Amino acid sequence: MARILIAEDEESLRRFVSRALQMDGHDVDEATDGAEGLDQLRQDRSYDLLLSDIRMPVMDGIELAHTAAAEFPELKILLMTGYAEQRERADALSSVIVDVVAKPFTLPDIRGAVAEALTV
């Protein structure tokens, strides 16, 4: 299974996704914003996937994705958003991200997106 870092400022959603992915056998760490997520990536370079919300305080998911892709080119990046305008901003990242998952999503949706991202 994979090592996954979830960067999401909404605690209930972060925990929900984390538990679901752990139940699938993944090793999951959590970050409350993009800056914390970047710190964790820099401390432990063994992540297979970054699953990040786009809209977060301190550092948003777009900036996190740009920086993570530059520093960790092998890292797969999957973004999440509930805002159409944020999804449009992510289109410019198509060369460094696997996909953008629209919120709200179901448990099968996020599990499927993660599974697909890990096979790319």
PDB file of N, CA and C in Angstrom:
ATOM      1  N   MET A   1       0.831  -1.185   0.000  1.00  0.00           N
ATOM      2  CA  MET A   1       0.000   0.000   0.000  1.00  0.00           C
ATOM      3  C   MET A   1       0.879   1.254   0.000  1.00  0.00           C
ATOM      4  N   ALA A   2       0.243   2.397  -0.017  1.00  0.00           N
ATOM      5  CA  ALA A   2       0.967   3.653  -0.227  1.00  0.00           C
ATOM      6  C   ALA A   2       1.068   4.503   1.039  1.00  0.00           C
ATOM      7  N   ARG A   3       2.046   5.414   1.015  1.00  0.00           N
ATOM      8  CA  ARG A   3       2.150   6.451   2.044  1.00  0.00           C
ATOM      9  C   ARG A   3       1.505   7.690   1.472  1.00  0.00           C
ATOM     10  N   ILE A   4       0.508   8.204   2.180  1.00  0.00           N
ATOM     11  CA  ILE A   4      -0.290   9.326   1.691  1.00  0.00           C
ATOM     12  C   ILE A   4      -0.276  10.452   2.712  1.00  0.00           C
ATOM     13  N   LEU A   5      -0.114  11.676   2.218  1.00  0.00           N
ATOM     14  CA  LEU A   5      -0.233  12.868   3.055  1.00  0.00           C
ATOM     15  C   LEU A   5      -1.492  13.607   2.637  1.00  0.00           C
ATOM     16  N   ILE A   6      -2.375  13.854   3.597  1.00  0.00           N
ATOM     17  CA  ILE A   6      -3.601  14.620   3.349  1.00  0.00           C
ATOM     18  C   ILE A   6      -3.419  16.014   3.927  1.00  0.00           C
ATOM     19  N   ALA A   7      -3.545  17.035   3.086  1.00  0.00           N
ATOM     20  CA  ALA A   7      -3.507  18.432   3.530  1.00  0.00           C
ATOM     21  C   ALA A   7      -4.918  18.993   3.351  1.00  0.00           C
ATOM     22  N   GLU A   8      -5.597  19.207   4.454  1.00  0.00           N
ATOM     23  CA  GLU A   8      -7.002  19.647   4.446  1.00  0.00           C
ATOM     24  C   GLU A   8      -7.258  20.407   5.733  1.00  0.00           C
ATOM     25  N   ASP A   9      -7.789  21.635   5.631  1.00  0.00           N
ATOM     26  CA  ASP A   9      -8.014  22.441   6.822  1.00  0.00           C
ATOM     27  C   ASP A   9      -9.301  22.082   7.559  1.00  0.00           C
ATOM     28  N   GLU A  10     -10.236  21.441   6.906  1.00  0.00           N
ATOM     29  CA  GLU A  10     -11.483  21.046   7.554  1.00  0.00           C
ATOM     30  C   GLU A  10     -11.261  19.713   8.277  1.00  0.00           C
ATOM     31  N   GLU A  11     -11.198  19.781   9.606  1.00  0.00           N
ATOM     32  CA  GLU A  11     -10.813  18.619  10.403  1.00  0.00           C
ATOM     33  C   GLU A  11     -11.700  17.397  10.170  1.00  0.00           C
ATOM     34  N   SER A  12     -13.012  17.589  10.149  1.00  0.00           N
ATOM     35  CA  SER A  12     -13.900  16.432  10.006  1.00  0.00           C
ATOM     36  C   SER A  12     -13.687  15.726   8.670  1.00  0.00           C
ATOM     37  N   LEU A  13     -13.501  16.472   7.611  1.00  0.00           N
ATOM     38  CA  LEU A  13     -13.262  15.865   6.299  1.00  0.00           C
ATOM     39  C   LEU A  13     -11.891  15.191   6.266  1.00  0.00           C
ATOM     40  N   ARG A  14     -10.887  15.854   6.814  1.00  0.00           N
ATOM     41  CA  ARG A  14      -9.533  15.293   6.845  1.00  0.00           C
ATOM     42  C   ARG A  14      -9.527  13.956   7.575  1.00  0.00           C
ATOM     43  N   ARG A  15     -10.184  13.910   8.720  1.00  0.00           N
ATOM     44  CA  ARG A  15     -10.225  12.666   9.503  1.00  0.00           C
ATOM     45  C   ARG A  15     -11.029  11.573   8.793  1.00  0.00           C
ATOM     46  N   PHE A  16     -12.135  11.957   8.162  1.00  0.00           N
ATOM     47  CA  PHE A  16     -12.982  11.024   7.429  1.00  0.00           C
ATOM     48  C   PHE A  16     -12.187  10.353   6.306  1.00  0.00           C
ATOM     49  N   VAL A  17     -11.506  11.159   5.507  1.00  0.00           N
ATOM     50  CA  VAL A  17     -10.721  10.629   4.390  1.00  0.00           C
ATOM     51  C   VAL A  17      -9.547   9.807   4.918  1.00  0.00           C
ATOM     52  N   SER A  18      -8.895  10.282   5.953  1.00  0.00           N
ATOM     53  CA  SER A  18      -7.765   9.567   6.538  1.00  0.00           C
ATOM     54  C   SER A  18      -8.177   8.182   7.014  1.00  0.00           C
ATOM     55  N   ARG A  19      -9.272   8.096   7.753  1.00  0.00           N
ATOM     56  CA  ARG A  19      -9.743   6.791   8.246  1.00  0.00           C
ATOM     57  C   ARG A  19     -10.092   5.858   7.089  1.00  0.00           C
ATOM     58  N   ALA A  20     -10.754   6.390   6.083  1.00  0.00           N
ATOM     59  CA  ALA A  20     -11.141   5.560   4.932  1.00  0.00           C
ATOM     60  C   ALA A  20      -9.914   4.989   4.230  1.00  0.00           C
ATOM     61  N   LEU A  21      -8.906   5.821   4.030  1.00  0.00           N
ATOM     62  CA  LEU A  21      -7.705   5.358   3.341  1.00  0.00           C
ATOM     63  C   LEU A  21      -6.891   4.407   4.210  1.00  0.00           C
ATOM     64  N   GLN A  22      -6.908   4.609   5.513  1.00  0.00           N
ATOM     65  CA  GLN A  22      -6.243   3.673   6.421  1.00  0.00           C
ATOM     66  C   GLN A  22      -6.945   2.315   6.383  1.00  0.00           C
ATOM     67  N   MET A  23      -8.266   2.329   6.289  1.00  0.00           N
ATOM     68  CA  MET A  23      -9.018   1.075   6.199  1.00  0.00           C
ATOM     69  C   MET A  23      -8.665   0.329   4.907  1.00  0.00           C
ATOM     70  N   ASP A  24      -8.245   1.062   3.890  1.00  0.00           N
ATOM     71  CA  ASP A  24      -7.808   0.446   2.634  1.00  0.00           C
ATOM     72  C   ASP A  24      -6.360  -0.049   2.720  1.00  0.00           C
ATOM     73  N   GLY A  25      -5.724   0.166   3.868  1.00  0.00           N
ATOM     74  CA  GLY A  25      -4.370  -0.330   4.085  1.00  0.00           C
ATOM     75  C   GLY A  25      -3.262   0.682   3.869  1.00  0.00           C
ATOM     76  N   HIS A  26      -3.598   1.921   3.585  1.00  0.00           N
ATOM     77  CA  HIS A  26      -2.582   2.945   3.350  1.00  0.00           C
ATOM     78  C   HIS A  26      -2.057   3.501   4.674  1.00  0.00           C
ATOM     79  N   ASP A  27      -0.831   3.974   4.633  1.00  0.00           N
ATOM     80  CA  ASP A  27      -0.211   4.679   5.748  1.00  0.00           C
ATOM     81  C   ASP A  27      -0.474   6.160   5.500  1.00  0.00           C
ATOM     82  N   VAL A  28      -1.254   6.802   6.381  1.00  0.00           N
ATOM     83  CA  VAL A  28      -1.734   8.162   6.130  1.00  0.00           C
ATOM     84  C   VAL A  28      -1.269   9.119   7.220  1.00  0.00           C
ATOM     85  N   ASP A  29      -0.753  10.272   6.792  1.00  0.00           N
ATOM     86  CA  ASP A  29      -0.432  11.374   7.690  1.00  0.00           C
ATOM     87  C   ASP A  29      -1.326  12.547   7.310  1.00  0.00           C
ATOM     88  N   GLU A  30      -1.498  13.476   8.257  1.00  0.00           N
ATOM     89  CA  GLU A  30      -2.396  14.607   8.047  1.00  0.00           C
ATOM     90  C   GLU A  30      -1.687  15.927   8.298  1.00  0.00           C
ATOM     91  N   ALA A  31      -2.101  16.940   7.520  1.00  0.00           N
ATOM     92  CA  ALA A  31      -1.624  18.310   7.713  1.00  0.00           C
ATOM     93  C   ALA A  31      -2.841  19.230   7.672  1.00  0.00           C
ATOM     94  N   THR A  32      -2.818  20.285   8.482  1.00  0.00           N
ATOM     95  CA  THR A  32      -3.972  21.177   8.590  1.00  0.00           C
ATOM     96  C   THR A  32      -3.969  22.317   7.567  1.00  0.00           C
ATOM     97  N   ASP A  33      -2.862  22.498   6.851  1.00  0.00           N
ATOM     98  CA  ASP A  33      -2.793  23.511   5.791  1.00  0.00           C
ATOM     99  C   ASP A  33      -1.610  23.194   4.892  1.00  0.00           C
ATOM    100  N   GLY A  34      -1.470  23.958   3.839  1.00  0.00           N
ATOM    101  CA  GLY A  34      -0.417  23.690   2.876  1.00  0.00           C
ATOM    102  C   GLY A  34       0.991  23.854   3.420  1.00  0.00           C
ATOM    103  N   ALA A  35       1.195  24.853   4.276  1.00  0.00           N
ATOM    104  CA  ALA A  35       2.526  25.071   4.843  1.00  0.00           C
ATOM    105  C   ALA A  35       2.942  23.890   5.714  1.00  0.00           C
ATOM    106  N   GLU A  36       2.022  23.408   6.531  1.00  0.00           N
ATOM    107  CA  GLU A  36       2.318  22.238   7.363  1.00  0.00           C
ATOM    108  C   GLU A  36       2.560  21.015   6.474  1.00  0.00           C
ATOM    109  N   GLY A  37       1.777  20.896   5.420  1.00  0.00           N
ATOM    110  CA  GLY A  37       1.956  19.787   4.492  1.00  0.00           C
ATOM    111  C   GLY A  37       3.335  19.819   3.842  1.00  0.00           C
ATOM    112  N   LEU A  38       3.761  20.989   3.410  1.00  0.00           N
ATOM    113  CA  LEU A  38       5.077  21.119   2.784  1.00  0.00           C
ATOM    114  C   LEU A  38       6.180  20.775   3.781  1.00  0.00           C
ATOM    115  N   ASP A  39       6.036  21.214   5.020  1.00  0.00           N
ATOM    116  CA  ASP A  39       7.016  20.866   6.052  1.00  0.00           C
ATOM    117  C   ASP A  39       7.109  19.353   6.213  1.00  0.00           C
ATOM    118  N   GLN A  40       5.963  18.672   6.238  1.00  0.00           N
ATOM    119  CA  GLN A  40       5.965  17.223   6.394  1.00  0.00           C
ATOM    120  C   GLN A  40       6.603  16.539   5.192  1.00  0.00           C
ATOM    121  N   LEU A  41       6.318  17.031   3.991  1.00  0.00           N
ATOM    122  CA  LEU A  41       6.946  16.462   2.797  1.00  0.00           C
ATOM    123  C   LEU A  41       8.457  16.609   2.859  1.00  0.00           C
ATOM    124  N   ARG A  42       8.919  17.760   3.311  1.00  0.00           N
ATOM    125  CA  ARG A  42      10.364  18.007   3.380  1.00  0.00           C
ATOM    126  C   ARG A  42      11.037  17.175   4.459  1.00  0.00           C
ATOM    127  N   GLN A  43      10.321  16.880   5.537  1.00  0.00           N
ATOM    128  CA  GLN A  43      10.889  16.083   6.621  1.00  0.00           C
ATOM    129  C   GLN A  43      10.953  14.598   6.271  1.00  0.00           C
ATOM    130  N   ASP A  44       9.939  14.126   5.544  1.00  0.00           N
ATOM    131  CA  ASP A  44       9.863  12.705   5.226  1.00  0.00           C
ATOM    132  C   ASP A  44       9.545  12.559   3.736  1.00  0.00           C
ATOM    133  N   ARG A  45      10.556  12.335   2.952  1.00  0.00           N
ATOM    134  CA  ARG A  45      10.423  12.328   1.495  1.00  0.00           C
ATOM    135  C   ARG A  45       9.862  11.022   0.940  1.00  0.00           C
ATOM    136  N   SER A  46       9.284  10.170   1.762  1.00  0.00           N
ATOM    137  CA  SER A  46       8.851   8.856   1.293  1.00  0.00           C
ATOM    138  C   SER A  46       7.368   8.765   0.945  1.00  0.00           C
ATOM    139  N   TYR A  47       6.691   9.888   0.737  1.00  0.00           N
ATOM    140  CA  TYR A  47       5.269   9.853   0.387  1.00  0.00           C
ATOM    141  C   TYR A  47       5.084   9.459  -1.077  1.00  0.00           C
ATOM    142  N   ASP A  48       4.031   8.691  -1.323  1.00  0.00           N
ATOM    143  CA  ASP A  48       3.668   8.286  -2.680  1.00  0.00           C
ATOM    144  C   ASP A  48       2.638   9.235  -3.284  1.00  0.00           C
ATOM    145  N   LEU A  49       1.801   9.830  -2.412  1.00  0.00           N
ATOM    146  CA  LEU A  49       0.698  10.660  -2.887  1.00  0.00           C
ATOM    147  C   LEU A  49       0.441  11.806  -1.926  1.00  0.00           C
ATOM    148  N   LEU A  50       0.230  12.984  -2.495  1.00  0.00           N
ATOM    149  CA  LEU A  50      -0.240  14.149  -1.750  1.00  0.00           C
ATOM    150  C   LEU A  50      -1.687  14.374  -2.163  1.00  0.00           C
ATOM    151  N   LEU A  51      -2.587  14.334  -1.197  1.00  0.00           N
ATOM    152  CA  LEU A  51      -4.011  14.600  -1.416  1.00  0.00           C
ATOM    153  C   LEU A  51      -4.303  15.908  -0.698  1.00  0.00           C
ATOM    154  N   SER A  52      -4.557  16.966  -1.472  1.00  0.00           N
ATOM    155  CA  SER A  52      -4.661  18.291  -0.868  1.00  0.00           C
ATOM    156  C   SER A  52      -5.913  19.034  -1.308  1.00  0.00           C
ATOM    157  N   ASP A  53      -6.515  19.717  -0.328  1.00  0.00           N
ATOM    158  CA  ASP A  53      -7.570  20.671  -0.631  1.00  0.00           C
ATOM    159  C   ASP A  53      -6.916  21.839  -1.364  1.00  0.00           C
ATOM    160  N   ILE A  54      -7.679  22.527  -2.178  1.00  0.00           N
ATOM    161  CA  ILE A  54      -7.135  23.704  -2.855  1.00  0.00           C
ATOM    162  C   ILE A  54      -7.236  24.929  -1.958  1.00  0.00           C
ATOM    163  N   ARG A  55      -8.387  25.129  -1.362  1.00  0.00           N
ATOM    164  CA  ARG A  55      -8.630  26.344  -0.581  1.00  0.00           C
ATOM    165  C   ARG A  55      -8.326  26.090   0.895  1.00  0.00           C
ATOM    166  N   MET A  56      -7.177  26.625   1.353  1.00  0.00           N
ATOM    167  CA  MET A  56      -6.739  26.475   2.743  1.00  0.00           C
ATOM    168  C   MET A  56      -6.045  27.747   3.191  1.00  0.00           C
ATOM    169  N   PRO A  57      -5.994  27.971   4.497  1.00  0.00           N
ATOM    170  CA  PRO A  57      -5.251  29.130   5.009  1.00  0.00           C
ATOM    171  C   PRO A  57      -3.741  28.891   4.933  1.00  0.00           C
ATOM    172  N   VAL A  58      -2.993  29.903   5.170  1.00  0.00           N
ATOM    173  CA  VAL A  58      -1.524  29.930   5.216  1.00  0.00           C
ATOM    174  C   VAL A  58      -0.926  29.686   3.822  1.00  0.00           C
ATOM    175  N   MET A  59      -1.085  28.486   3.281  1.00  0.00           N
ATOM    176  CA  MET A  59      -0.629  28.160   1.924  1.00  0.00           C
ATOM    177  C   MET A  59      -1.720  27.323   1.280  1.00  0.00           C
ATOM    178  N   ASP A  60      -2.224  27.761   0.136  1.00  0.00           N
ATOM    179  CA  ASP A  60      -3.299  27.002  -0.498  1.00  0.00           C
ATOM    180  C   ASP A  60      -2.747  25.797  -1.260  1.00  0.00           C
ATOM    181  N   GLY A  61      -3.642  24.951  -1.722  1.00  0.00           N
ATOM    182  CA  GLY A  61      -3.256  23.728  -2.401  1.00  0.00           C
ATOM    183  C   GLY A  61      -2.572  23.946  -3.739  1.00  0.00           C
ATOM    184  N   ILE A  62      -2.877  25.061  -4.407  1.00  0.00           N
ATOM    185  CA  ILE A  62      -2.229  25.369  -5.685  1.00  0.00           C
ATOM    186  C   ILE A  62      -0.742  25.643  -5.448  1.00  0.00           C
ATOM    187  N   GLU A  63      -0.454  26.501  -4.482  1.00  0.00           N
ATOM    188  CA  GLU A  63       0.944  26.799  -4.162  1.00  0.00           C
ATOM    189  C   GLU A  63       1.656  25.545  -3.652  1.00  0.00           C
ATOM    190  N   LEU A  64       0.976  24.769  -2.818  1.00  0.00           N
ATOM    191  CA  LEU A  64       1.554  23.530  -2.313  1.00  0.00           C
ATOM    192  C   LEU A  64       1.871  22.578  -3.472  1.00  0.00           C
ATOM    193  N   ALA A  65       0.947  22.433  -4.409  1.00  0.00           N
ATOM    194  CA  ALA A  65       1.165  21.537  -5.547  1.00  0.00           C
ATOM    195  C   ALA A  65       2.350  21.993  -6.396  1.00  0.00           C
ATOM    196  N   HIS A  66       2.442  23.296  -6.673  1.00  0.00           N
ATOM    197  CA  HIS A  66       3.574  23.822  -7.455  1.00  0.00           C
ATOM    198  C   HIS A  66       4.902  23.518  -6.761  1.00  0.00           C
ATOM    199  N   THR A  67       4.961  23.822  -5.480  1.00  0.00           N
ATOM    200  CA  THR A  67       6.204  23.628  -4.729  1.00  0.00           C
ATOM    201  C   THR A  67       6.542  22.156  -4.593  1.00  0.00           C
ATOM    202  N   ALA A  68       5.543  21.344  -4.253  1.00  0.00           N
ATOM    203  CA  ALA A  68       5.775  19.907  -4.087  1.00  0.00           C
ATOM    204  C   ALA A  68       6.225  19.265  -5.394  1.00  0.00           C
ATOM    205  N   ALA A  69       5.614  19.656  -6.508  1.00  0.00           N
ATOM    206  CA  ALA A  69       5.992  19.094  -7.808  1.00  0.00           C
ATOM    207  C   ALA A  69       7.430  19.462  -8.175  1.00  0.00           C
ATOM    208  N   ALA A  70       7.832  20.675  -7.833  1.00  0.00           N
ATOM    209  CA  ALA A  70       9.197  21.117  -8.135  1.00  0.00           C
ATOM    210  C   ALA A  70      10.222  20.390  -7.262  1.00  0.00           C
ATOM    211  N   GLU A  71       9.896  20.211  -5.992  1.00  0.00           N
ATOM    212  CA  GLU A  71      10.850  19.605  -5.061  1.00  0.00           C
ATOM    213  C   GLU A  71      10.809  18.081  -5.049  1.00  0.00           C
ATOM    214  N   PHE A  72       9.653  17.508  -5.392  1.00  0.00           N
ATOM    215  CA  PHE A  72       9.465  16.052  -5.336  1.00  0.00           C
ATOM    216  C   PHE A  72       8.809  15.579  -6.641  1.00  0.00           C
ATOM    217  N   PRO A  73       9.554  15.568  -7.728  1.00  0.00           N
ATOM    218  CA  PRO A  73       8.961  15.290  -9.037  1.00  0.00           C
ATOM    219  C   PRO A  73       8.301  13.915  -9.166  1.00  0.00           C
ATOM    220  N   GLU A  74       8.659  12.968  -8.334  1.00  0.00           N
ATOM    221  CA  GLU A  74       8.055  11.624  -8.396  1.00  0.00           C
ATOM    222  C   GLU A  74       6.738  11.544  -7.627  1.00  0.00           C
ATOM    223  N   LEU A  75       6.444  12.540  -6.812  1.00  0.00           N
ATOM    224  CA  LEU A  75       5.243  12.548  -5.978  1.00  0.00           C
ATOM    225  C   LEU A  75       3.994  12.738  -6.832  1.00  0.00           C
ATOM    226  N   LYS A  76       3.003  11.894  -6.605  1.00  0.00           N
ATOM    227  CA  LYS A  76       1.721  12.056  -7.288  1.00  0.00           C
ATOM    228  C   LYS A  76       0.872  13.012  -6.468  1.00  0.00           C
ATOM    229  N   ILE A  77       0.151  13.901  -7.140  1.00  0.00           N
ATOM    230  CA  ILE A  77      -0.626  14.934  -6.460  1.00  0.00           C
ATOM    231  C   ILE A  77      -2.063  14.880  -6.934  1.00  0.00           C
ATOM    232  N   LEU A  78      -2.968  14.806  -5.976  1.00  0.00           N
ATOM    233  CA  LEU A  78      -4.404  14.787  -6.234  1.00  0.00           C
ATOM    234  C   LEU A  78      -5.012  15.919  -5.419  1.00  0.00           C
ATOM    235  N   LEU A  79      -5.765  16.798  -6.075  1.00  0.00           N
ATOM    236  CA  LEU A  79      -6.367  17.946  -5.393  1.00  0.00           C
ATOM    237  C   LEU A  79      -7.857  17.739  -5.182  1.00  0.00           C
ATOM    238  N   MET A  80      -8.397  18.437  -4.178  1.00  0.00           N
ATOM    239  CA  MET A  80      -9.830  18.401  -3.871  1.00  0.00           C
ATOM    240  C   MET A  80     -10.337  19.832  -3.790  1.00  0.00           C
ATOM    241  N   THR A  81     -11.560  20.057  -4.255  1.00  0.00           N
ATOM    242  CA  THR A  81     -12.161  21.380  -4.089  1.00  0.00           C
ATOM    243  C   THR A  81     -13.670  21.320  -4.216  1.00  0.00           C
ATOM    244  N   GLY A  82     -14.315  22.244  -3.542  1.00  0.00           N
ATOM    245  CA  GLY A  82     -15.753  22.400  -3.647  1.00  0.00           C
ATOM    246  C   GLY A  82     -16.121  23.667  -4.392  1.00  0.00           C
ATOM    247  N   TYR A  83     -15.132  24.341  -4.963  1.00  0.00           N
ATOM    248  CA  TYR A  83     -15.356  25.630  -5.610  1.00  0.00           C
ATOM    249  C   TYR A  83     -14.966  25.554  -7.083  1.00  0.00           C
ATOM    250  N   ALA A  84     -15.891  25.906  -7.950  1.00  0.00           N
ATOM    251  CA  ALA A  84     -15.651  25.838  -9.398  1.00  0.00           C
ATOM    252  C   ALA A  84     -14.470  26.703  -9.818  1.00  0.00           C
ATOM    253  N   GLU A  85     -14.351  27.903  -9.250  1.00  0.00           N
ATOM    254  CA  GLU A  85     -13.257  28.783  -9.654  1.00  0.00           C
ATOM    255  C   GLU A  85     -11.904  28.220  -9.225  1.00  0.00           C
ATOM    256  N   GLN A  86     -11.878  27.471  -8.141  1.00  0.00           N
ATOM    257  CA  GLN A  86     -10.634  26.839  -7.707  1.00  0.00           C
ATOM    258  C   GLN A  86     -10.255  25.700  -8.649  1.00  0.00           C
ATOM    259  N   ARG A  87     -11.259  24.995  -9.131  1.00  0.00           N
ATOM    260  CA  ARG A  87     -10.999  23.915 -10.095  1.00  0.00           C
ATOM    261  C   ARG A  87     -10.375  24.492 -11.369  1.00  0.00           C
ATOM    262  N   GLU A  88     -10.857  25.655 -11.783  1.00  0.00           N
ATOM    263  CA  GLU A  88     -10.288  26.312 -12.970  1.00  0.00           C
ATOM    264  C   GLU A  88      -8.828  26.704 -12.723  1.00  0.00           C
ATOM    265  N   ARG A  89      -8.516  27.159 -11.524  1.00  0.00           N
ATOM    266  CA  ARG A  89      -7.129  27.499 -11.189  1.00  0.00           C
ATOM    267  C   ARG A  89      -6.235  26.267 -11.269  1.00  0.00           C
ATOM    268  N   ALA A  90      -6.794  25.109 -10.918  1.00  0.00           N
ATOM    269  CA  ALA A  90      -6.017  23.865 -10.934  1.00  0.00           C
ATOM    270  C   ALA A  90      -5.742  23.376 -12.348  1.00  0.00           C
ATOM    271  N   ASP A  91      -6.532  23.833 -13.324  1.00  0.00           N
ATOM    272  CA  ASP A  91      -6.310  23.415 -14.710  1.00  0.00           C
ATOM    273  C   ASP A  91      -4.903  23.756 -15.188  1.00  0.00           C
ATOM    274  N   ALA A  92      -4.352  24.833 -14.677  1.00  0.00           N
ATOM    275  CA  ALA A  92      -2.997  25.234 -15.056  1.00  0.00           C
ATOM    276  C   ALA A  92      -1.945  24.253 -14.523  1.00  0.00           C
ATOM    277  N   LEU A  93      -2.349  23.388 -13.608  1.00  0.00           N
ATOM    278  CA  LEU A  93      -1.434  22.416 -13.012  1.00  0.00           C
ATOM    279  C   LEU A  93      -1.530  21.045 -13.668  1.00  0.00           C
ATOM    280  N   SER A  94      -2.217  20.948 -14.777  1.00  0.00           N
ATOM    281  CA  SER A  94      -2.496  19.636 -15.370  1.00  0.00           C
ATOM    282  C   SER A  94      -1.236  18.810 -15.624  1.00  0.00           C
ATOM    283  N   SER A  95      -0.102  19.456 -15.777  1.00  0.00           N
ATOM    284  CA  SER A  95       1.128  18.693 -16.010  1.00  0.00           C
ATOM    285  C   SER A  95       1.728  18.121 -14.728  1.00  0.00           C
ATOM    286  N   VAL A  96       1.294  18.602 -13.558  1.00  0.00           N
ATOM    287  CA  VAL A  96       1.891  18.116 -12.308  1.00  0.00           C
ATOM    288  C   VAL A  96       0.909  17.406 -11.388  1.00  0.00           C
ATOM    289  N   ILE A  97      -0.387  17.521 -11.656  1.00  0.00           N
ATOM    290  CA  ILE A  97      -1.358  16.829 -10.807  1.00  0.00           C
ATOM    291  C   ILE A  97      -2.022  15.705 -11.586  1.00  0.00           C
ATOM    292  N   VAL A  98      -2.544  14.738 -10.844  1.00  0.00           N
ATOM    293  CA  VAL A  98      -3.238  13.619 -11.467  1.00  0.00           C
ATOM    294  C   VAL A  98      -4.668  14.012 -11.811  1.00  0.00           C
ATOM    295  N   ASP A  99      -5.356  14.667 -10.854  1.00  0.00           N
ATOM    296  CA  ASP A  99      -6.754  15.031 -11.067  1.00  0.00           C
ATOM    297  C   ASP A  99      -7.204  15.979  -9.964  1.00  0.00           C
ATOM    298  N   VAL A 100      -8.431  16.494 -10.127  1.00  0.00           N
ATOM    299  CA  VAL A 100      -9.087  17.293  -9.097  1.00  0.00           C
ATOM    300  C   VAL A 100     -10.397  16.598  -8.767  1.00  0.00           C
ATOM    301  N   VAL A 101     -10.585  16.271  -7.497  1.00  0.00           N
ATOM    302  CA  VAL A 101     -11.806  15.620  -7.029  1.00  0.00           C
ATOM    303  C   VAL A 101     -12.754  16.696  -6.530  1.00  0.00           C
ATOM    304  N   ALA A 102     -13.977  16.687  -7.044  1.00  0.00           N
ATOM    305  CA  ALA A 102     -14.967  17.681  -6.641  1.00  0.00           C
ATOM    306  C   ALA A 102     -15.608  17.301  -5.310  1.00  0.00           C
ATOM    307  N   LYS A 103     -15.707  18.293  -4.427  1.00  0.00           N
ATOM    308  CA  LYS A 103     -16.428  18.126  -3.158  1.00  0.00           C
ATOM    309  C   LYS A 103     -17.859  18.598  -3.373  1.00  0.00           C
ATOM    310  N   PRO A 104     -18.818  18.043  -2.717  1.00  0.00           N
ATOM    311  CA  PRO A 104     -18.700  16.895  -1.820  1.00  0.00           C
ATOM    312  C   PRO A 104     -18.531  15.610  -2.629  1.00  0.00           C
ATOM    313  N   PHE A 105     -17.812  14.682  -2.046  1.00  0.00           N
ATOM    314  CA  PHE A 105     -17.616  13.394  -2.699  1.00  0.00           C
ATOM    315  C   PHE A 105     -18.042  12.285  -1.748  1.00  0.00           C
ATOM    316  N   THR A 106     -18.279  11.122  -2.317  1.00  0.00           N
ATOM    317  CA  THR A 106     -18.643   9.960  -1.511  1.00  0.00           C
ATOM    318  C   THR A 106     -17.370   9.195  -1.170  1.00  0.00           C
ATOM    319  N   LEU A 107     -17.484   8.296  -0.241  1.00  0.00           N
ATOM    320  CA  LEU A 107     -16.354   7.463   0.127  1.00  0.00           C
ATOM    321  C   LEU A 107     -15.846   6.659  -1.073  1.00  0.00           C
ATOM    322  N   PRO A 108     -16.725   6.025  -1.859  1.00  0.00           N
ATOM    323  CA  PRO A 108     -16.226   5.327  -3.053  1.00  0.00           C
ATOM    324  C   PRO A 108     -15.543   6.273  -4.048  1.00  0.00           C
ATOM    325  N   ASP A 109     -16.023   7.521  -4.156  1.00  0.00           N
ATOM    326  CA  ASP A 109     -15.396   8.496  -5.063  1.00  0.00           C
ATOM    327  C   ASP A 109     -13.944   8.753  -4.684  1.00  0.00           C
ATOM    328  N   ILE A 110     -13.696   9.056  -3.413  1.00  0.00           N
ATOM    329  CA  ILE A 110     -12.338   9.411  -2.996  1.00  0.00           C
ATOM    330  C   ILE A 110     -11.431   8.186  -3.003  1.00  0.00           C
ATOM    331  N   ARG A 111     -11.967   7.041  -2.595  1.00  0.00           N
ATOM    332  CA  ARG A 111     -11.172   5.813  -2.646  1.00  0.00           C
ATOM    333  C   ARG A 111     -10.776   5.490  -4.087  1.00  0.00           C
ATOM    334  N   GLY A 112     -11.720   5.643  -5.006  1.00  0.00           N
ATOM    335  CA  GLY A 112     -11.439   5.366  -6.412  1.00  0.00           C
ATOM    336  C   GLY A 112     -10.433   6.338  -6.996  1.00  0.00           C
ATOM    337  N   ALA A 113     -10.574   7.622  -6.647  1.00  0.00           N
ATOM    338  CA  ALA A 113      -9.638   8.631  -7.145  1.00  0.00           C
ATOM    339  C   ALA A 113      -8.226   8.371  -6.644  1.00  0.00           C
ATOM    340  N   VAL A 114      -8.107   7.998  -5.379  1.00  0.00           N
ATOM    341  CA  VAL A 114      -6.792   7.696  -4.807  1.00  0.00           C
ATOM    342  C   VAL A 114      -6.196   6.457  -5.472  1.00  0.00           C
ATOM    343  N   ALA A 115      -7.011   5.422  -5.616  1.00  0.00           N
ATOM    344  CA  ALA A 115      -6.519   4.188  -6.257  1.00  0.00           C
ATOM    345  C   ALA A 115      -6.035   4.475  -7.673  1.00  0.00           C
ATOM    346  N   GLU A 116      -6.793   5.263  -8.417  1.00  0.00           N
ATOM    347  CA  GLU A 116      -6.404   5.595  -9.789  1.00  0.00           C
ATOM    348  C   GLU A 116      -5.135   6.443  -9.803  1.00  0.00           C
ATOM    349  N   ALA A 117      -5.050   7.426  -8.904  1.00  0.00           N
ATOM    350  CA  ALA A 117      -3.872   8.288  -8.851  1.00  0.00           C
ATOM    351  C   ALA A 117      -2.611   7.477  -8.562  1.00  0.00           C
ATOM    352  N   LEU A 118      -2.729   6.461  -7.752  1.00  0.00           N
ATOM    353  CA  LEU A 118      -1.571   5.654  -7.403  1.00  0.00           C
ATOM    354  C   LEU A 118      -1.113   4.755  -8.544  1.00  0.00           C
ATOM    355  N   THR A 119      -1.985   4.504  -9.500  1.00  0.00           N
ATOM    356  CA  THR A 119      -1.602   3.642 -10.624  1.00  0.00           C
ATOM    357  C   THR A 119      -1.052   4.417 -11.810  1.00  0.00           C
ATOM    358  N   VAL A 120      -1.184   5.732 -11.795  1.00  0.00           N
ATOM    359  CA  VAL A 120      -0.715   6.567 -12.914  1.00  0.00           C
ATOM    360  C   VAL A 120       0.793   6.630 -12.924  1.00  0.00           C
TER     361      VAL A 120
END
